[in-house]
Amino acid sequence: SDFCNFSFHDLESVTNNFDARPESAGGNKLGEGGFGVVFKGYINGRNVAVKKLVAMVDVSVQDLKQQFDQEIKMMAKCQHENLVELLGFSSDGAQPCLVYEYMPNGSLLDRLACLDDTPPISWNTRCKIVQGTADGVEFLHENNHIHRDIKSANILLTDTYMPKISDFGLARASVTFTQTIMTERIVGTAAYMAPEALRGEITPKSDIFSFGVVLLEIITGLPPVDENREPQLLLSIKDEIEDEEATIEDYVDEKMSDWDAPSVHIMYSIADQCLNEKKNRRPDIKMV
């Protein structure tokens, strides 16, 4: 493949020795996700994001190396404008690293929360983010990949707010779609997980459920889970709306002014279908 093979030493030098202070404090750390910490670097005249894979408590080095090979092989195949591009890797140092394109607007999660005083995202832009994310998921599904961890923290934004899905190395290529993967280790984030995924059953329809949670975040601007909120899980608002205790308008993010009821209703009805408890009743991503 056309990837660059970087030395660990090179990556150390471009990330200021993996400076773990946040970017806002003058460091290089952009965030952390499944399997690693992400640092900002500068290589050949462009900003990059370097993901240093770190073994979690219950993950062996062998698992990590396997994860690494899997991620590289898969990402070599998966090139799409709505997937974060892998530029290279390093496997000669203490920890394996992956080098991705840098996404200047960070994650959808952070932008919806207006972290670091960033401006709120308009409804018009949110609709484009939904479309691009759906296109990225559709590409993965058409290539028989299940992402397994679709969430707003994994939807990254370019300078023009074009969305790109990251962290899809956890996706295991499912041989055929009908075959359901039962997995020992449940990978994913509970607030986004479909009932069957919580039981360890993985299907493309689990991604659809998670996408439904992201749609609720986009409409409401609220995080998927908040311990200080009643209800704590964002997807519980679906029950309130079904019981006619509230309408979706009551929940629309007040930080945007350009929304209109018809398009909010359309997006909510898609979210509602995606969040069906029964996986076979959820739409395919193409229908979305």
C-alpha atoms as a PDB file:
ATOM      1  CA  SER A   1       0.000   0.000   0.000  1.00  0.00           C
ATOM      2  CA  ASP A   2       1.004   3.644  -0.297  1.00  0.00           C
ATOM      3  CA  PHE A   3       1.240   4.190   3.426  1.00  0.00           C
ATOM      4  CA  CYS A   4       4.326   5.696   4.944  1.00  0.00           C
ATOM      5  CA  ASN A   5       6.124   3.579   7.454  1.00  0.00           C
ATOM      6  CA  PHE A   6       7.352   6.046  10.073  1.00  0.00           C
ATOM      7  CA  SER A   7       9.908   5.321  12.741  1.00  0.00           C
ATOM      8  CA  PHE A   8       8.717   5.679  16.325  1.00  0.00           C
ATOM      9  CA  HIS A   9      11.528   8.192  16.803  1.00  0.00           C
ATOM     10  CA  ASP A  10      10.185  10.393  13.977  1.00  0.00           C
ATOM     11  CA  LEU A  11       6.734  10.376  15.512  1.00  0.00           C
ATOM     12  CA  GLU A  12       8.186  11.239  18.902  1.00  0.00           C
ATOM     13  CA  SER A  13       9.911  14.271  17.464  1.00  0.00           C
ATOM     14  CA  VAL A  14       6.869  15.584  15.533  1.00  0.00           C
ATOM     15  CA  THR A  15       4.593  15.320  18.587  1.00  0.00           C
ATOM     16  CA  ASN A  16       7.051  17.002  20.973  1.00  0.00           C
ATOM     17  CA  ASN A  17       7.776  13.649  22.646  1.00  0.00           C
ATOM     18  CA  PHE A  18       4.080  12.803  22.801  1.00  0.00           C
ATOM     19  CA  ASP A  19       3.435  15.881  24.936  1.00  0.00           C
ATOM     20  CA  ALA A  20       0.388  14.773  26.917  1.00  0.00           C
ATOM     21  CA  ARG A  21      -0.791  18.245  27.890  1.00  0.00           C
ATOM     22  CA  PRO A  22      -3.971  19.237  26.074  1.00  0.00           C
ATOM     23  CA  GLU A  23      -3.604  21.401  23.006  1.00  0.00           C
ATOM     24  CA  SER A  24      -5.252  24.314  24.839  1.00  0.00           C
ATOM     25  CA  ALA A  25      -2.411  24.191  27.396  1.00  0.00           C
ATOM     26  CA  GLY A  26       0.286  24.215  24.719  1.00  0.00           C
ATOM     27  CA  GLY A  27       0.638  20.440  24.558  1.00  0.00           C
ATOM     28  CA  ASN A  28      -0.071  17.993  21.752  1.00  0.00           C
ATOM     29  CA  LYS A  29      -2.794  15.758  23.137  1.00  0.00           C
ATOM     30  CA  LEU A  30      -5.982  15.875  21.055  1.00  0.00           C
ATOM     31  CA  GLY A  31      -7.940  13.237  22.936  1.00  0.00           C
ATOM     32  CA  GLU A  32      -8.186   9.571  23.701  1.00  0.00           C
ATOM     33  CA  GLY A  33     -10.330   6.883  22.235  1.00  0.00           C
ATOM     34  CA  GLY A  34     -10.644   3.148  22.011  1.00  0.00           C
ATOM     35  CA  PHE A  35      -7.189   1.622  22.303  1.00  0.00           C
ATOM     36  CA  GLY A  36      -5.095   4.767  22.446  1.00  0.00           C
ATOM     37  CA  VAL A  37      -4.230   8.415  22.892  1.00  0.00           C
ATOM     38  CA  VAL A  38      -4.196  10.832  19.965  1.00  0.00           C
ATOM     39  CA  PHE A  39      -1.560  13.544  19.535  1.00  0.00           C
ATOM     40  CA  LYS A  40      -1.226  16.353  17.038  1.00  0.00           C
ATOM     41  CA  GLY A  41       1.892  16.294  14.902  1.00  0.00           C
ATOM     42  CA  TYR A  42       3.312  18.080  11.883  1.00  0.00           C
ATOM     43  CA  ILE A  43       4.825  16.028   9.053  1.00  0.00           C
ATOM     44  CA  ASN A  44       5.886  17.144   5.570  1.00  0.00           C
ATOM     45  CA  GLY A  45       4.134  20.478   5.853  1.00  0.00           C
ATOM     46  CA  ARG A  46       0.797  19.175   7.083  1.00  0.00           C
ATOM     47  CA  ASN A  47      -0.850  18.618  10.435  1.00  0.00           C
ATOM     48  CA  VAL A  48      -1.513  14.995  11.319  1.00  0.00           C
ATOM     49  CA  ALA A  49      -3.083  13.081  14.191  1.00  0.00           C
ATOM     50  CA  VAL A  50      -0.881  10.370  15.673  1.00  0.00           C
ATOM     51  CA  LYS A  51      -2.685   7.639  17.586  1.00  0.00           C
ATOM     52  CA  LYS A  52      -0.379   5.870  20.002  1.00  0.00           C
ATOM     53  CA  LEU A  53      -1.926   2.518  20.857  1.00  0.00           C
ATOM     54  CA  VAL A  54      -1.847   1.827  24.555  1.00  0.00           C
ATOM     55  CA  ALA A  55      -2.697  -1.541  26.035  1.00  0.00           C
ATOM     56  CA  MET A  56      -5.669  -1.220  28.361  1.00  0.00           C
ATOM     57  CA  VAL A  57      -5.727  -3.214  31.557  1.00  0.00           C
ATOM     58  CA  ASP A  58      -7.443  -6.239  30.031  1.00  0.00           C
ATOM     59  CA  VAL A  59      -5.807  -6.087  26.608  1.00  0.00           C
ATOM     60  CA  SER A  60      -2.627  -8.039  25.972  1.00  0.00           C
ATOM     61  CA  VAL A  61       0.232  -6.759  23.817  1.00  0.00           C
ATOM     62  CA  GLN A  62      -0.569  -9.567  21.422  1.00  0.00           C
ATOM     63  CA  ASP A  63      -4.164  -8.361  21.110  1.00  0.00           C
ATOM     64  CA  LEU A  64      -2.853  -4.893  20.509  1.00  0.00           C
ATOM     65  CA  LYS A  65      -0.534  -5.974  17.712  1.00  0.00           C
ATOM     66  CA  GLN A  66      -3.377  -7.951  16.179  1.00  0.00           C
ATOM     67  CA  GLN A  67      -5.645  -4.924  16.482  1.00  0.00           C
ATOM     68  CA  PHE A  68      -2.932  -2.885  14.805  1.00  0.00           C
ATOM     69  CA  ASP A  69      -2.515  -5.216  11.824  1.00  0.00           C
ATOM     70  CA  GLN A  70      -6.275  -5.439  11.492  1.00  0.00           C
ATOM     71  CA  GLU A  71      -6.667  -1.667  11.509  1.00  0.00           C
ATOM     72  CA  ILE A  72      -3.979  -1.176   8.861  1.00  0.00           C
ATOM     73  CA  LYS A  73      -5.334  -3.888   6.559  1.00  0.00           C
ATOM     74  CA  MET A  74      -8.847  -2.668   6.865  1.00  0.00           C
ATOM     75  CA  MET A  75      -8.050   0.985   6.416  1.00  0.00           C
ATOM     76  CA  ALA A  76      -6.015   0.231   3.341  1.00  0.00           C
ATOM     77  CA  LYS A  77      -9.255  -0.994   1.778  1.00  0.00           C
ATOM     78  CA  CYS A  78     -11.554   1.617   3.227  1.00  0.00           C
ATOM     79  CA  GLN A  79     -11.087   4.901   1.472  1.00  0.00           C
ATOM     80  CA  HIS A  80     -14.055   7.214   1.337  1.00  0.00           C
ATOM     81  CA  GLU A  81     -14.483  10.956   1.766  1.00  0.00           C
ATOM     82  CA  ASN A  82     -16.464  10.396   4.968  1.00  0.00           C
ATOM     83  CA  LEU A  83     -13.896   8.131   6.622  1.00  0.00           C
ATOM     84  CA  VAL A  84     -10.767   9.513   8.296  1.00  0.00           C
ATOM     85  CA  GLU A  85      -7.778   8.740   6.077  1.00  0.00           C
ATOM     86  CA  LEU A  86      -4.882   6.679   7.418  1.00  0.00           C
ATOM     87  CA  LEU A  87      -1.590   8.181   6.217  1.00  0.00           C
ATOM     88  CA  GLY A  88       0.851   5.769   7.778  1.00  0.00           C
ATOM     89  CA  PHE A  89       1.954   3.740  10.749  1.00  0.00           C
ATOM     90  CA  SER A  90       4.934   2.883  12.900  1.00  0.00           C
ATOM     91  CA  SER A  91       5.635  -0.506  14.392  1.00  0.00           C
ATOM     92  CA  ASP A  92       9.308  -0.354  15.347  1.00  0.00           C
ATOM     93  CA  GLY A  93       8.965   1.328  18.737  1.00  0.00           C
ATOM     94  CA  ALA A  94       7.691   0.729  22.239  1.00  0.00           C
ATOM     95  CA  GLN A  95       4.113   1.217  21.094  1.00  0.00           C
ATOM     96  CA  PRO A  96       2.558   0.830  17.669  1.00  0.00           C
ATOM     97  CA  CYS A  97       1.255   4.096  16.193  1.00  0.00           C
ATOM     98  CA  LEU A  98      -1.180   5.053  13.457  1.00  0.00           C
ATOM     99  CA  VAL A  99      -0.961   8.362  11.613  1.00  0.00           C
ATOM    100  CA  TYR A 100      -4.210   9.886  10.368  1.00  0.00           C
ATOM    101  CA  GLU A 101      -5.197  13.078   8.625  1.00  0.00           C
ATOM    102  CA  TYR A 102      -5.764  15.865  11.151  1.00  0.00           C
ATOM    103  CA  MET A 103      -9.320  17.088  11.621  1.00  0.00           C
ATOM    104  CA  PRO A 104      -9.226  20.763  12.608  1.00  0.00           C
ATOM    105  CA  ASN A 105     -12.749  20.985  14.019  1.00  0.00           C
ATOM    106  CA  GLY A 106     -12.365  18.035  16.358  1.00  0.00           C
ATOM    107  CA  SER A 107     -15.298  15.800  17.201  1.00  0.00           C
ATOM    108  CA  LEU A 108     -19.019  16.296  16.716  1.00  0.00           C
ATOM    109  CA  LEU A 109     -19.421  15.600  20.455  1.00  0.00           C
ATOM    110  CA  ASP A 110     -17.195  18.554  21.367  1.00  0.00           C
ATOM    111  CA  ARG A 111     -18.678  20.903  18.755  1.00  0.00           C
ATOM    112  CA  LEU A 112     -22.249  20.178  19.863  1.00  0.00           C
ATOM    113  CA  ALA A 113     -21.126  21.021  23.407  1.00  0.00           C
ATOM    114  CA  CYS A 114     -19.323  24.158  22.099  1.00  0.00           C
ATOM    115  CA  LEU A 115     -16.210  23.061  24.002  1.00  0.00           C
ATOM    116  CA  ASP A 116     -13.451  25.719  24.121  1.00  0.00           C
ATOM    117  CA  ASP A 117     -16.045  28.365  23.210  1.00  0.00           C
ATOM    118  CA  THR A 118     -16.460  27.222  19.622  1.00  0.00           C
ATOM    119  CA  PRO A 119     -19.561  28.592  17.876  1.00  0.00           C
ATOM    120  CA  PRO A 120     -22.721  26.453  17.798  1.00  0.00           C
ATOM    121  CA  ILE A 121     -23.265  24.414  14.617  1.00  0.00           C
ATOM    122  CA  SER A 122     -26.214  25.602  12.517  1.00  0.00           C
ATOM    123  CA  TRP A 123     -29.107  23.285  11.626  1.00  0.00           C
ATOM    124  CA  ASN A 124     -28.126  23.462   7.969  1.00  0.00           C
ATOM    125  CA  THR A 125     -24.590  22.257   8.789  1.00  0.00           C
ATOM    126  CA  ARG A 126     -25.975  19.574  11.117  1.00  0.00           C
ATOM    127  CA  CYS A 127     -28.076  18.197   8.254  1.00  0.00           C
ATOM    128  CA  LYS A 128     -24.940  17.976   6.077  1.00  0.00           C
ATOM    129  CA  ILE A 129     -23.096  16.206   8.906  1.00  0.00           C
ATOM    130  CA  VAL A 130     -25.922  13.642   9.133  1.00  0.00           C
ATOM    131  CA  GLN A 131     -25.812  13.017   5.386  1.00  0.00           C
ATOM    132  CA  GLY A 132     -22.023  12.622   5.289  1.00  0.00           C
ATOM    133  CA  THR A 133     -22.014  10.322   8.310  1.00  0.00           C
ATOM    134  CA  ALA A 134     -24.724   8.155   6.735  1.00  0.00           C
ATOM    135  CA  ASP A 135     -22.656   7.983   3.521  1.00  0.00           C
ATOM    136  CA  GLY A 136     -19.607   6.834   5.505  1.00  0.00           C
ATOM    137  CA  VAL A 137     -21.588   4.150   7.345  1.00  0.00           C
ATOM    138  CA  GLU A 138     -23.169   3.032   4.071  1.00  0.00           C
ATOM    139  CA  PHE A 139     -19.708   2.615   2.522  1.00  0.00           C
ATOM    140  CA  LEU A 140     -18.566   0.474   5.473  1.00  0.00           C
ATOM    141  CA  HIS A 141     -21.707  -1.674   5.340  1.00  0.00           C
ATOM    142  CA  GLU A 142     -21.492  -2.142   1.569  1.00  0.00           C
ATOM    143  CA  ASN A 143     -17.973  -3.455   2.119  1.00  0.00           C
ATOM    144  CA  ASN A 144     -19.218  -5.847   4.805  1.00  0.00           C
ATOM    145  CA  HIS A 145     -17.724  -3.944   7.695  1.00  0.00           C
ATOM    146  CA  ILE A 146     -19.545  -3.226  10.914  1.00  0.00           C
ATOM    147  CA  HIS A 147     -18.145  -0.215  12.773  1.00  0.00           C
ATOM    148  CA  ARG A 148     -19.354  -1.283  16.255  1.00  0.00           C
ATOM    149  CA  ASP A 149     -18.674   2.059  17.909  1.00  0.00           C
ATOM    150  CA  ILE A 150     -20.570   4.782  16.029  1.00  0.00           C
ATOM    151  CA  LYS A 151     -20.787   7.802  18.337  1.00  0.00           C
ATOM    152  CA  SER A 152     -20.377  11.565  18.152  1.00  0.00           C
ATOM    153  CA  ALA A 153     -16.857  11.355  19.630  1.00  0.00           C
ATOM    154  CA  ASN A 154     -15.894   9.228  16.597  1.00  0.00           C
ATOM    155  CA  ILE A 155     -17.356  11.652  14.046  1.00  0.00           C
ATOM    156  CA  LEU A 156     -14.614  14.168  13.273  1.00  0.00           C
ATOM    157  CA  LEU A 157     -15.016  17.418  11.369  1.00  0.00           C
ATOM    158  CA  THR A 158     -12.870  19.079   8.701  1.00  0.00           C
ATOM    159  CA  ASP A 159     -12.422  22.848   8.482  1.00  0.00           C
ATOM    160  CA  THR A 160     -15.654  22.988   6.434  1.00  0.00           C
ATOM    161  CA  TYR A 161     -17.488  20.721   8.921  1.00  0.00           C
ATOM    162  CA  MET A 162     -17.466  17.762   6.580  1.00  0.00           C
ATOM    163  CA  PRO A 163     -17.813  14.675   8.792  1.00  0.00           C
ATOM    164  CA  LYS A 164     -15.390  11.761   8.746  1.00  0.00           C
ATOM    165  CA  ILE A 165     -15.845   8.635  10.822  1.00  0.00           C
ATOM    166  CA  SER A 166     -12.843   7.513  12.855  1.00  0.00           C
ATOM    167  CA  ASP A 167     -11.871   4.505  14.948  1.00  0.00           C
ATOM    168  CA  PHE A 168     -13.320   1.984  12.540  1.00  0.00           C
ATOM    169  CA  GLY A 169     -10.407  -0.383  13.096  1.00  0.00           C
ATOM    170  CA  LEU A 170     -12.491  -2.097  15.735  1.00  0.00           C
ATOM    171  CA  ALA A 171     -14.850  -3.043  12.976  1.00  0.00           C
ATOM    172  CA  ARG A 172     -14.499  -6.685  12.147  1.00  0.00           C
ATOM    173  CA  ALA A 173     -15.188  -7.503   8.560  1.00  0.00           C
ATOM    174  CA  SER A 174     -18.199  -9.711   8.833  1.00  0.00           C
ATOM    175  CA  VAL A 175     -18.014 -12.418   6.263  1.00  0.00           C
ATOM    176  CA  THR A 176     -21.598 -12.110   5.239  1.00  0.00           C
ATOM    177  CA  PHE A 177     -24.247  -9.856   6.520  1.00  0.00           C
ATOM    178  CA  THR A 178     -26.613 -12.507   7.696  1.00  0.00           C
ATOM    179  CA  GLN A 179     -23.979 -14.019   9.883  1.00  0.00           C
ATOM    180  CA  THR A 180     -24.134 -12.476  13.307  1.00  0.00           C
ATOM    181  CA  ILE A 181     -20.854 -12.170  15.138  1.00  0.00           C
ATOM    182  CA  MET A 182     -21.007 -13.190  18.756  1.00  0.00           C
ATOM    183  CA  THR A 183     -18.138 -11.543  20.508  1.00  0.00           C
ATOM    184  CA  GLU A 184     -16.571 -12.243  23.861  1.00  0.00           C
ATOM    185  CA  ARG A 185     -15.378  -8.728  24.417  1.00  0.00           C
ATOM    186  CA  ILE A 186     -18.137  -6.208  24.041  1.00  0.00           C
ATOM    187  CA  VAL A 187     -16.637  -3.312  22.171  1.00  0.00           C
ATOM    188  CA  GLY A 188     -18.529  -0.073  22.168  1.00  0.00           C
ATOM    189  CA  THR A 189     -19.984   2.624  24.347  1.00  0.00           C
ATOM    190  CA  ALA A 190     -23.011   1.664  26.424  1.00  0.00           C
ATOM    191  CA  ALA A 191     -25.086   4.815  25.848  1.00  0.00           C
ATOM    192  CA  TYR A 192     -25.098   4.033  22.121  1.00  0.00           C
ATOM    193  CA  MET A 193     -25.509   0.297  22.240  1.00  0.00           C
ATOM    194  CA  ALA A 194     -28.458  -1.578  20.829  1.00  0.00           C
ATOM    195  CA  PRO A 195     -30.067  -4.205  23.079  1.00  0.00           C
ATOM    196  CA  GLU A 196     -28.580  -7.069  21.055  1.00  0.00           C
ATOM    197  CA  ALA A 197     -25.104  -5.464  21.059  1.00  0.00           C
ATOM    198  CA  LEU A 198     -25.189  -5.354  24.846  1.00  0.00           C
ATOM    199  CA  ARG A 199     -25.715  -9.113  24.698  1.00  0.00           C
ATOM    200  CA  GLY A 200     -22.583  -9.436  22.565  1.00  0.00           C
ATOM    201  CA  GLU A 201     -24.371  -9.895  19.248  1.00  0.00           C
ATOM    202  CA  ILE A 202     -23.004  -7.712  16.462  1.00  0.00           C
ATOM    203  CA  THR A 203     -24.879  -6.904  13.273  1.00  0.00           C
ATOM    204  CA  PRO A 204     -24.899  -3.918  10.912  1.00  0.00           C
ATOM    205  CA  LYS A 205     -28.221  -3.031  12.551  1.00  0.00           C
ATOM    206  CA  SER A 206     -26.332  -2.267  15.785  1.00  0.00           C
ATOM    207  CA  ASP A 207     -24.571   0.562  13.918  1.00  0.00           C
ATOM    208  CA  ILE A 208     -27.989   1.829  12.801  1.00  0.00           C
ATOM    209  CA  PHE A 209     -29.135   1.988  16.433  1.00  0.00           C
ATOM    210  CA  SER A 210     -26.009   3.956  17.423  1.00  0.00           C
ATOM    211  CA  PHE A 211     -26.567   6.284  14.458  1.00  0.00           C
ATOM    212  CA  GLY A 212     -30.076   6.919  15.841  1.00  0.00           C
ATOM    213  CA  VAL A 213     -28.553   8.091  19.135  1.00  0.00           C
ATOM    214  CA  VAL A 214     -26.236  10.447  17.195  1.00  0.00           C
ATOM    215  CA  LEU A 215     -29.293  11.895  15.406  1.00  0.00           C
ATOM    216  CA  LEU A 216     -30.865  12.668  18.797  1.00  0.00           C
ATOM    217  CA  GLU A 217     -27.636  14.414  19.848  1.00  0.00           C
ATOM    218  CA  ILE A 218     -27.669  16.463  16.652  1.00  0.00           C
ATOM    219  CA  ILE A 219     -31.272  17.585  17.190  1.00  0.00           C
ATOM    220  CA  THR A 220     -30.956  18.307  20.914  1.00  0.00           C
ATOM    221  CA  GLY A 221     -27.294  19.270  21.319  1.00  0.00           C
ATOM    222  CA  LEU A 222     -27.302  17.089  24.455  1.00  0.00           C
ATOM    223  CA  PRO A 223     -24.687  14.446  25.292  1.00  0.00           C
ATOM    224  CA  PRO A 224     -25.782  10.780  25.052  1.00  0.00           C
ATOM    225  CA  VAL A 225     -25.434  10.246  28.776  1.00  0.00           C
ATOM    226  CA  ASP A 226     -25.371  12.703  31.651  1.00  0.00           C
ATOM    227  CA  GLU A 227     -25.321  11.502  35.234  1.00  0.00           C
ATOM    228  CA  ASN A 228     -26.777  14.798  36.450  1.00  0.00           C
ATOM    229  CA  ARG A 229     -29.723  14.624  34.115  1.00  0.00           C
ATOM    230  CA  GLU A 230     -33.078  12.938  34.524  1.00  0.00           C
ATOM    231  CA  PRO A 231     -33.305  10.760  32.469  1.00  0.00           C
ATOM    232  CA  GLN A 232     -29.565  10.057  32.262  1.00  0.00           C
ATOM    233  CA  LEU A 233     -29.710   8.405  28.838  1.00  0.00           C
ATOM    234  CA  LEU A 234     -30.573  10.625  25.904  1.00  0.00           C
ATOM    235  CA  LEU A 235     -32.426   7.819  24.164  1.00  0.00           C
ATOM    236  CA  SER A 236     -35.005   7.901  26.979  1.00  0.00           C
ATOM    237  CA  ILE A 237     -36.508  11.049  25.441  1.00  0.00           C
ATOM    238  CA  LYS A 238     -37.972   8.741  22.809  1.00  0.00           C
ATOM    239  CA  ASP A 239     -40.216   7.215  25.512  1.00  0.00           C
ATOM    240  CA  GLU A 240     -41.318  10.645  26.720  1.00  0.00           C
ATOM    241  CA  ILE A 241     -42.236  11.649  23.184  1.00  0.00           C
ATOM    242  CA  GLU A 242     -44.045   8.346  22.577  1.00  0.00           C
ATOM    243  CA  ASP A 243     -46.014   8.821  25.800  1.00  0.00           C
ATOM    244  CA  GLU A 244     -46.849  12.345  24.615  1.00  0.00           C
ATOM    245  CA  GLU A 245     -45.286  13.840  27.741  1.00  0.00           C
ATOM    246  CA  ALA A 246     -43.178  16.012  25.439  1.00  0.00           C
ATOM    247  CA  THR A 247     -42.646  16.777  21.760  1.00  0.00           C
ATOM    248  CA  ILE A 248     -39.370  16.776  19.882  1.00  0.00           C
ATOM    249  CA  GLU A 249     -39.669  20.583  19.603  1.00  0.00           C
ATOM    250  CA  ASP A 250     -39.311  20.789  23.388  1.00  0.00           C
ATOM    251  CA  TYR A 251     -35.885  19.235  23.004  1.00  0.00           C
ATOM    252  CA  VAL A 252     -34.505  21.118  19.990  1.00  0.00           C
ATOM    253  CA  ASP A 253     -31.079  22.627  20.724  1.00  0.00           C
ATOM    254  CA  GLU A 254     -31.628  26.267  21.682  1.00  0.00           C
ATOM    255  CA  LYS A 255     -28.142  27.129  20.433  1.00  0.00           C
ATOM    256  CA  MET A 256     -29.318  27.077  16.808  1.00  0.00           C
ATOM    257  CA  SER A 257     -31.797  29.468  15.243  1.00  0.00           C
ATOM    258  CA  ASP A 258     -32.170  28.203  11.670  1.00  0.00           C
ATOM    259  CA  TRP A 259     -34.086  24.981  12.325  1.00  0.00           C
ATOM    260  CA  ASP A 260     -37.566  24.377  10.988  1.00  0.00           C
ATOM    261  CA  ALA A 261     -40.166  22.013  12.395  1.00  0.00           C
ATOM    262  CA  PRO A 262     -40.704  19.889   9.242  1.00  0.00           C
ATOM    263  CA  SER A 263     -37.037  18.938   8.850  1.00  0.00           C
ATOM    264  CA  VAL A 264     -36.617  18.333  12.594  1.00  0.00           C
ATOM    265  CA  HIS A 265     -39.647  16.013  12.449  1.00  0.00           C
ATOM    266  CA  ILE A 266     -38.164  14.131   9.497  1.00  0.00           C
ATOM    267  CA  MET A 267     -34.840  13.665  11.294  1.00  0.00           C
ATOM    268  CA  TYR A 268     -36.579  12.608  14.503  1.00  0.00           C
ATOM    269  CA  SER A 269     -38.717  10.065  12.674  1.00  0.00           C
ATOM    270  CA  ILE A 270     -35.545   8.559  11.152  1.00  0.00           C
ATOM    271  CA  ALA A 271     -33.940   8.455  14.622  1.00  0.00           C
ATOM    272  CA  ASP A 272     -37.061   6.802  16.006  1.00  0.00           C
ATOM    273  CA  GLN A 273     -36.906   4.042  13.363  1.00  0.00           C
ATOM    274  CA  CYS A 274     -33.169   3.547  13.926  1.00  0.00           C
ATOM    275  CA  LEU A 275     -33.780   3.137  17.660  1.00  0.00           C
ATOM    276  CA  ASN A 276     -36.275   0.295  17.311  1.00  0.00           C
ATOM    277  CA  GLU A 277     -35.576  -2.341  19.983  1.00  0.00           C
ATOM    278  CA  LYS A 278     -36.083  -5.043  17.355  1.00  0.00           C
ATOM    279  CA  LYS A 279     -33.131  -4.959  15.020  1.00  0.00           C
ATOM    280  CA  ASN A 280     -34.992  -6.217  11.949  1.00  0.00           C
ATOM    281  CA  ARG A 281     -37.369  -3.285  12.132  1.00  0.00           C
ATOM    282  CA  ARG A 282     -34.560  -0.741  11.865  1.00  0.00           C
ATOM    283  CA  PRO A 283     -33.959   0.650   8.373  1.00  0.00           C
ATOM    284  CA  ASP A 284     -30.849  -0.131   6.316  1.00  0.00           C
ATOM    285  CA  ILE A 285     -28.439   2.775   6.140  1.00  0.00           C
ATOM    286  CA  LYS A 286     -29.315   3.188   2.435  1.00  0.00           C
ATOM    287  CA  MET A 287     -32.908   3.954   3.405  1.00  0.00           C
ATOM    288  CA  VAL A 288     -31.673   6.657   5.749  1.00  0.00           C
END
